[in-house]
Amino acid sequence: MRRAVESLGMTPEEDPAEANGVIGGVPQRLVLDNLRAAVDLEQRDEVKADLWRQIAEIHRRRGTYAAAYEGLDRAEACLSGDQQRLQLARVRIARSMLAIERGADAEARLLGAEAIALLVAE
């Protein structure tokens, strides 16, 4: 464990679970790094969009909302046309969850309704 913590650029006294949270027993920082690497390697826009949405979700849970919005903007930029309504709906739901975090309930409802409309039209 000591080597693993040091490989993350932390001192052994720092607990990665406390500093960054964990996902399935893995420090969030490592998960984010792996997701970003996957985005760089992925060729399919739909998969890239989903990876960016997952990155945004981690940032939302950490409370780094600006980074979460950036991830969702990148996810939306990967999506175009009517072919990817499911992915667009997922991004809208993620935006809705961010709005809830900010206390913008009306905006959250509107984004949720947009997501439903995308799914119904599919």
N, C-alpha and C. Protein backbone atom coordinates (compact mmCIF):
# COMPACT_ATOMS: atom_id res chain seq x y z
N MET A 1 0.83 -1.19 0.00
CA MET A 1 0.00 0.00 0.00
C MET A 1 0.87 1.25 0.00
N ARG A 2 1.97 1.19 0.74
CA ARG A 2 2.86 2.35 0.83
C ARG A 2 3.35 2.76 -0.56
N ARG A 3 3.79 1.79 -1.37
CA ARG A 3 4.27 2.10 -2.72
C ARG A 3 3.16 2.64 -3.60
N ALA A 4 1.97 2.08 -3.44
CA ALA A 4 0.83 2.55 -4.24
C ALA A 4 0.52 4.00 -3.92
N VAL A 5 0.53 4.35 -2.65
CA VAL A 5 0.26 5.72 -2.24
C VAL A 5 1.35 6.65 -2.77
N GLU A 6 2.60 6.22 -2.66
CA GLU A 6 3.70 7.04 -3.16
C GLU A 6 3.63 7.20 -4.68
N SER A 7 3.18 6.18 -5.40
CA SER A 7 3.08 6.28 -6.85
C SER A 7 2.03 7.30 -7.27
N LEU A 8 1.10 7.62 -6.37
CA LEU A 8 0.09 8.64 -6.67
C LEU A 8 0.61 10.04 -6.37
N GLY A 9 1.87 10.14 -5.93
CA GLY A 9 2.44 11.43 -5.62
C GLY A 9 2.05 11.94 -4.26
N MET A 10 1.68 11.04 -3.37
CA MET A 10 1.26 11.41 -2.03
C MET A 10 2.24 10.83 -1.02
N THR A 11 2.27 11.42 0.14
CA THR A 11 3.09 10.84 1.20
C THR A 11 2.32 9.69 1.82
N PRO A 12 3.00 8.70 2.39
CA PRO A 12 2.31 7.56 2.98
C PRO A 12 1.36 7.96 4.11
N GLU A 13 1.57 9.14 4.70
CA GLU A 13 0.70 9.57 5.79
C GLU A 13 -0.67 10.02 5.28
N GLU A 14 -0.72 10.41 4.00
CA GLU A 14 -1.99 10.84 3.43
C GLU A 14 -2.81 9.61 3.06
N ASP A 15 -4.05 9.64 3.41
CA ASP A 15 -4.95 8.53 3.08
C ASP A 15 -5.68 8.88 1.79
N PRO A 16 -5.44 8.15 0.70
CA PRO A 16 -6.12 8.48 -0.55
C PRO A 16 -7.63 8.43 -0.43
N ALA A 17 -8.16 7.56 0.40
CA ALA A 17 -9.61 7.49 0.56
C ALA A 17 -10.15 8.77 1.16
N GLU A 18 -9.41 9.35 2.08
CA GLU A 18 -9.85 10.60 2.70
C GLU A 18 -9.64 11.78 1.76
N ALA A 19 -8.51 11.80 1.10
CA ALA A 19 -8.16 12.95 0.27
C ALA A 19 -9.02 13.03 -0.99
N ASN A 20 -9.32 11.91 -1.58
CA ASN A 20 -9.97 11.92 -2.89
C ASN A 20 -11.24 11.11 -2.96
N GLY A 21 -11.58 10.37 -1.97
CA GLY A 21 -12.69 9.44 -2.06
C GLY A 21 -12.27 8.21 -2.82
N VAL A 22 -13.08 7.19 -2.77
CA VAL A 22 -12.76 5.96 -3.48
C VAL A 22 -13.96 5.53 -4.29
N ILE A 23 -13.67 4.83 -5.35
CA ILE A 23 -14.70 4.23 -6.21
C ILE A 23 -14.33 2.77 -6.33
N GLY A 24 -15.12 1.91 -5.75
CA GLY A 24 -14.82 0.48 -5.80
C GLY A 24 -13.47 0.16 -5.20
N GLY A 25 -13.08 0.90 -4.17
CA GLY A 25 -11.80 0.66 -3.52
C GLY A 25 -10.61 1.31 -4.20
N VAL A 26 -10.84 2.04 -5.29
CA VAL A 26 -9.77 2.70 -6.03
C VAL A 26 -9.88 4.21 -5.80
N PRO A 27 -8.77 4.89 -5.50
CA PRO A 27 -8.82 6.34 -5.31
C PRO A 27 -9.40 7.05 -6.53
N GLN A 28 -10.25 8.05 -6.29
CA GLN A 28 -10.90 8.78 -7.38
C GLN A 28 -9.89 9.40 -8.33
N ARG A 29 -8.78 9.88 -7.81
CA ARG A 29 -7.77 10.49 -8.68
C ARG A 29 -7.31 9.48 -9.74
N LEU A 30 -7.09 8.25 -9.33
CA LEU A 30 -6.66 7.22 -10.27
C LEU A 30 -7.76 6.89 -11.27
N VAL A 31 -9.00 6.84 -10.81
CA VAL A 31 -10.14 6.59 -11.70
C VAL A 31 -10.24 7.70 -12.74
N LEU A 32 -10.13 8.96 -12.29
CA LEU A 32 -10.19 10.09 -13.22
C LEU A 32 -9.07 10.02 -14.25
N ASP A 33 -7.87 9.71 -13.80
CA ASP A 33 -6.74 9.60 -14.73
C ASP A 33 -7.00 8.53 -15.78
N ASN A 34 -7.53 7.39 -15.35
CA ASN A 34 -7.81 6.30 -16.29
C ASN A 34 -8.93 6.66 -17.26
N LEU A 35 -9.96 7.35 -16.78
CA LEU A 35 -11.05 7.77 -17.67
C LEU A 35 -10.54 8.77 -18.71
N ARG A 36 -9.69 9.70 -18.28
CA ARG A 36 -9.13 10.67 -19.23
C ARG A 36 -8.25 9.98 -20.27
N ALA A 37 -7.49 9.00 -19.84
CA ALA A 37 -6.66 8.25 -20.78
C ALA A 37 -7.54 7.50 -21.77
N ALA A 38 -8.65 6.96 -21.29
CA ALA A 38 -9.58 6.25 -22.18
C ALA A 38 -10.18 7.20 -23.20
N VAL A 39 -10.50 8.43 -22.80
CA VAL A 39 -11.04 9.43 -23.73
C VAL A 39 -10.02 9.68 -24.84
N ASP A 40 -8.76 9.81 -24.46
CA ASP A 40 -7.71 10.09 -25.45
C ASP A 40 -7.56 8.95 -26.46
N LEU A 41 -7.78 7.73 -26.02
CA LEU A 41 -7.60 6.57 -26.89
C LEU A 41 -8.85 6.23 -27.71
N GLU A 42 -10.00 6.61 -27.22
CA GLU A 42 -11.27 6.21 -27.85
C GLU A 42 -11.50 6.97 -29.16
N GLN A 43 -12.01 6.27 -30.15
CA GLN A 43 -12.29 6.87 -31.45
C GLN A 43 -13.78 7.17 -31.64
N ARG A 44 -14.64 6.41 -30.99
CA ARG A 44 -16.09 6.58 -31.18
C ARG A 44 -16.61 7.71 -30.31
N ASP A 45 -17.28 8.66 -30.95
CA ASP A 45 -17.78 9.84 -30.24
C ASP A 45 -18.79 9.49 -29.15
N GLU A 46 -19.64 8.51 -29.41
CA GLU A 46 -20.65 8.13 -28.41
C GLU A 46 -19.98 7.60 -27.14
N VAL A 47 -18.94 6.83 -27.29
CA VAL A 47 -18.22 6.29 -26.13
C VAL A 47 -17.46 7.42 -25.43
N LYS A 48 -16.85 8.32 -26.20
CA LYS A 48 -16.16 9.46 -25.60
C LYS A 48 -17.14 10.29 -24.76
N ALA A 49 -18.34 10.49 -25.29
CA ALA A 49 -19.34 11.27 -24.57
C ALA A 49 -19.68 10.61 -23.24
N ASP A 50 -19.81 9.30 -23.25
CA ASP A 50 -20.13 8.59 -22.01
C ASP A 50 -18.98 8.68 -21.01
N LEU A 51 -17.76 8.61 -21.49
CA LEU A 51 -16.60 8.75 -20.61
C LEU A 51 -16.56 10.14 -19.98
N TRP A 52 -16.82 11.17 -20.79
CA TRP A 52 -16.85 12.53 -20.24
C TRP A 52 -17.97 12.69 -19.22
N ARG A 53 -19.11 12.05 -19.48
CA ARG A 53 -20.22 12.11 -18.52
C ARG A 53 -19.83 11.45 -17.21
N GLN A 54 -19.11 10.33 -17.28
CA GLN A 54 -18.65 9.66 -16.06
C GLN A 54 -17.65 10.53 -15.30
N ILE A 55 -16.77 11.20 -16.02
CA ILE A 55 -15.82 12.11 -15.39
C ILE A 55 -16.58 13.23 -14.68
N ALA A 56 -17.58 13.77 -15.36
CA ALA A 56 -18.38 14.84 -14.77
C ALA A 56 -19.09 14.37 -13.50
N GLU A 57 -19.57 13.15 -13.51
CA GLU A 57 -20.26 12.60 -12.32
C GLU A 57 -19.30 12.52 -11.13
N ILE A 58 -18.09 12.10 -11.37
CA ILE A 58 -17.11 12.05 -10.28
C ILE A 58 -16.86 13.44 -9.73
N HIS A 59 -16.71 14.41 -10.64
CA HIS A 59 -16.49 15.79 -10.19
C HIS A 59 -17.70 16.31 -9.41
N ARG A 60 -18.90 15.96 -9.84
CA ARG A 60 -20.10 16.40 -9.11
C ARG A 60 -20.09 15.84 -7.71
N ARG A 61 -19.76 14.58 -7.58
CA ARG A 61 -19.73 13.95 -6.25
C ARG A 61 -18.64 14.54 -5.36
N ARG A 62 -17.56 15.01 -5.97
CA ARG A 62 -16.47 15.63 -5.21
C ARG A 62 -16.78 17.08 -4.86
N GLY A 63 -17.79 17.64 -5.52
CA GLY A 63 -18.12 19.04 -5.28
C GLY A 63 -17.35 20.01 -6.14
N THR A 64 -16.67 19.51 -7.16
CA THR A 64 -15.95 20.37 -8.10
C THR A 64 -16.85 20.60 -9.31
N TYR A 65 -17.80 21.52 -9.12
CA TYR A 65 -18.88 21.71 -10.08
C TYR A 65 -18.42 22.30 -11.41
N ALA A 66 -17.45 23.21 -11.38
CA ALA A 66 -16.97 23.78 -12.64
C ALA A 66 -16.38 22.68 -13.53
N ALA A 67 -15.63 21.79 -12.92
CA ALA A 67 -15.05 20.67 -13.69
C ALA A 67 -16.16 19.74 -14.18
N ALA A 68 -17.20 19.58 -13.39
CA ALA A 68 -18.33 18.74 -13.81
C ALA A 68 -19.02 19.35 -15.03
N TYR A 69 -19.26 20.66 -14.99
CA TYR A 69 -19.87 21.32 -16.15
C TYR A 69 -18.99 21.21 -17.38
N GLU A 70 -17.69 21.35 -17.19
CA GLU A 70 -16.76 21.23 -18.32
C GLU A 70 -16.85 19.83 -18.93
N GLY A 71 -16.89 18.81 -18.08
CA GLY A 71 -17.02 17.45 -18.59
C GLY A 71 -18.31 17.23 -19.37
N LEU A 72 -19.40 17.81 -18.87
CA LEU A 72 -20.68 17.67 -19.58
C LEU A 72 -20.67 18.46 -20.90
N ASP A 73 -20.02 19.61 -20.90
CA ASP A 73 -19.89 20.35 -22.16
C ASP A 73 -19.12 19.53 -23.19
N ARG A 74 -18.07 18.88 -22.74
CA ARG A 74 -17.28 18.04 -23.66
C ARG A 74 -18.10 16.83 -24.13
N ALA A 75 -18.90 16.28 -23.22
CA ALA A 75 -19.75 15.15 -23.61
C ALA A 75 -20.72 15.57 -24.69
N GLU A 76 -21.37 16.72 -24.50
CA GLU A 76 -22.33 17.20 -25.49
C GLU A 76 -21.65 17.51 -26.82
N ALA A 77 -20.43 18.01 -26.77
CA ALA A 77 -19.71 18.33 -27.99
C ALA A 77 -19.42 17.08 -28.82
N CYS A 78 -19.34 15.94 -28.16
CA CYS A 78 -19.10 14.67 -28.87
C CYS A 78 -20.36 14.15 -29.55
N LEU A 79 -21.51 14.65 -29.15
CA LEU A 79 -22.78 14.13 -29.64
C LEU A 79 -23.40 15.07 -30.65
N SER A 80 -23.95 14.48 -31.70
CA SER A 80 -24.64 15.30 -32.70
C SER A 80 -25.74 14.48 -33.34
N GLY A 81 -26.77 15.18 -33.74
CA GLY A 81 -27.84 14.55 -34.48
C GLY A 81 -28.79 13.72 -33.63
N ASP A 82 -29.75 13.15 -34.31
CA ASP A 82 -30.79 12.36 -33.64
C ASP A 82 -30.34 10.94 -33.32
N GLN A 83 -29.17 10.56 -33.80
CA GLN A 83 -28.71 9.19 -33.61
C GLN A 83 -28.35 8.89 -32.16
N GLN A 84 -28.07 9.91 -31.39
CA GLN A 84 -27.53 9.70 -30.05
C GLN A 84 -28.42 10.29 -28.97
N ARG A 85 -29.70 10.10 -29.10
CA ARG A 85 -30.66 10.66 -28.15
C ARG A 85 -30.47 10.11 -26.74
N LEU A 86 -30.17 8.83 -26.61
CA LEU A 86 -29.98 8.24 -25.30
C LEU A 86 -28.81 8.90 -24.57
N GLN A 87 -27.70 9.08 -25.27
CA GLN A 87 -26.55 9.72 -24.66
C GLN A 87 -26.84 11.18 -24.31
N LEU A 88 -27.56 11.89 -25.19
CA LEU A 88 -27.93 13.27 -24.89
C LEU A 88 -28.84 13.33 -23.66
N ALA A 89 -29.74 12.37 -23.55
CA ALA A 89 -30.62 12.32 -22.37
C ALA A 89 -29.81 12.10 -21.10
N ARG A 90 -28.82 11.25 -21.17
CA ARG A 90 -27.96 11.01 -20.00
C ARG A 90 -27.22 12.27 -19.59
N VAL A 91 -26.75 13.03 -20.57
CA VAL A 91 -26.07 14.29 -20.26
C VAL A 91 -27.04 15.28 -19.63
N ARG A 92 -28.28 15.34 -20.16
CA ARG A 92 -29.29 16.24 -19.59
C ARG A 92 -29.59 15.86 -18.13
N ILE A 93 -29.67 14.57 -17.86
CA ILE A 93 -29.93 14.12 -16.48
C ILE A 93 -28.76 14.51 -15.58
N ALA A 94 -27.54 14.37 -16.08
CA ALA A 94 -26.37 14.76 -15.29
C ALA A 94 -26.40 16.27 -15.01
N ARG A 95 -26.81 17.06 -16.01
CA ARG A 95 -26.94 18.50 -15.80
C ARG A 95 -28.04 18.80 -14.78
N SER A 96 -29.09 18.01 -14.83
CA SER A 96 -30.19 18.17 -13.87
C SER A 96 -29.70 17.91 -12.44
N MET A 97 -28.88 16.89 -12.28
CA MET A 97 -28.34 16.59 -10.96
C MET A 97 -27.44 17.71 -10.45
N LEU A 98 -26.69 18.33 -11.36
CA LEU A 98 -25.87 19.48 -10.97
C LEU A 98 -26.75 20.65 -10.55
N ALA A 99 -27.84 20.85 -11.27
CA ALA A 99 -28.76 21.94 -10.92
C ALA A 99 -29.35 21.70 -9.52
N ILE A 100 -29.67 20.46 -9.21
CA ILE A 100 -30.19 20.14 -7.89
C ILE A 100 -29.16 20.48 -6.82
N GLU A 101 -27.90 20.17 -7.08
CA GLU A 101 -26.82 20.48 -6.13
C GLU A 101 -26.75 21.98 -5.85
N ARG A 102 -27.05 22.80 -6.89
CA ARG A 102 -27.01 24.25 -6.73
C ARG A 102 -28.30 24.80 -6.13
N GLY A 103 -29.30 23.95 -5.99
CA GLY A 103 -30.58 24.41 -5.46
C GLY A 103 -31.48 25.00 -6.53
N ALA A 104 -31.15 24.79 -7.80
CA ALA A 104 -31.94 25.31 -8.92
C ALA A 104 -32.96 24.25 -9.34
N ASP A 105 -33.98 24.09 -8.52
CA ASP A 105 -34.96 23.02 -8.76
C ASP A 105 -35.73 23.19 -10.06
N ALA A 106 -36.09 24.42 -10.40
CA ALA A 106 -36.84 24.65 -11.64
C ALA A 106 -36.00 24.25 -12.86
N GLU A 107 -34.73 24.63 -12.83
CA GLU A 107 -33.83 24.26 -13.93
C GLU A 107 -33.68 22.74 -13.99
N ALA A 108 -33.57 22.10 -12.83
CA ALA A 108 -33.43 20.64 -12.78
C ALA A 108 -34.65 19.97 -13.40
N ARG A 109 -35.85 20.48 -13.08
CA ARG A 109 -37.07 19.90 -13.67
C ARG A 109 -37.09 20.08 -15.18
N LEU A 110 -36.69 21.26 -15.65
CA LEU A 110 -36.66 21.53 -17.08
C LEU A 110 -35.69 20.59 -17.79
N LEU A 111 -34.50 20.41 -17.23
CA LEU A 111 -33.52 19.50 -17.83
C LEU A 111 -34.02 18.07 -17.81
N GLY A 112 -34.69 17.68 -16.73
CA GLY A 112 -35.27 16.34 -16.66
C GLY A 112 -36.34 16.15 -17.73
N ALA A 113 -37.16 17.17 -17.93
CA ALA A 113 -38.19 17.10 -18.97
C ALA A 113 -37.57 16.99 -20.37
N GLU A 114 -36.46 17.72 -20.58
CA GLU A 114 -35.76 17.61 -21.87
C GLU A 114 -35.24 16.19 -22.09
N ALA A 115 -34.72 15.58 -21.02
CA ALA A 115 -34.21 14.21 -21.12
C ALA A 115 -35.34 13.25 -21.46
N ILE A 116 -36.47 13.41 -20.82
CA ILE A 116 -37.62 12.54 -21.11
C ILE A 116 -38.08 12.73 -22.54
N ALA A 117 -38.13 13.98 -23.00
CA ALA A 117 -38.55 14.25 -24.39
C ALA A 117 -37.61 13.59 -25.38
N LEU A 118 -36.32 13.60 -25.09
CA LEU A 118 -35.36 12.94 -25.97
C LEU A 118 -35.62 11.44 -26.04
N LEU A 119 -35.97 10.84 -24.90
CA LEU A 119 -36.21 9.40 -24.86
C LEU A 119 -37.53 9.02 -25.51
N VAL A 120 -38.55 9.84 -25.32
CA VAL A 120 -39.86 9.56 -25.91
C VAL A 120 -39.79 9.64 -27.43
N ALA A 121 -39.01 10.58 -27.93
CA ALA A 121 -38.88 10.77 -29.38
C ALA A 121 -38.07 9.65 -30.03
N GLU A 122 -37.36 8.86 -29.22
CA GLU A 122 -36.51 7.80 -29.77
C GLU A 122 -37.31 6.67 -30.35
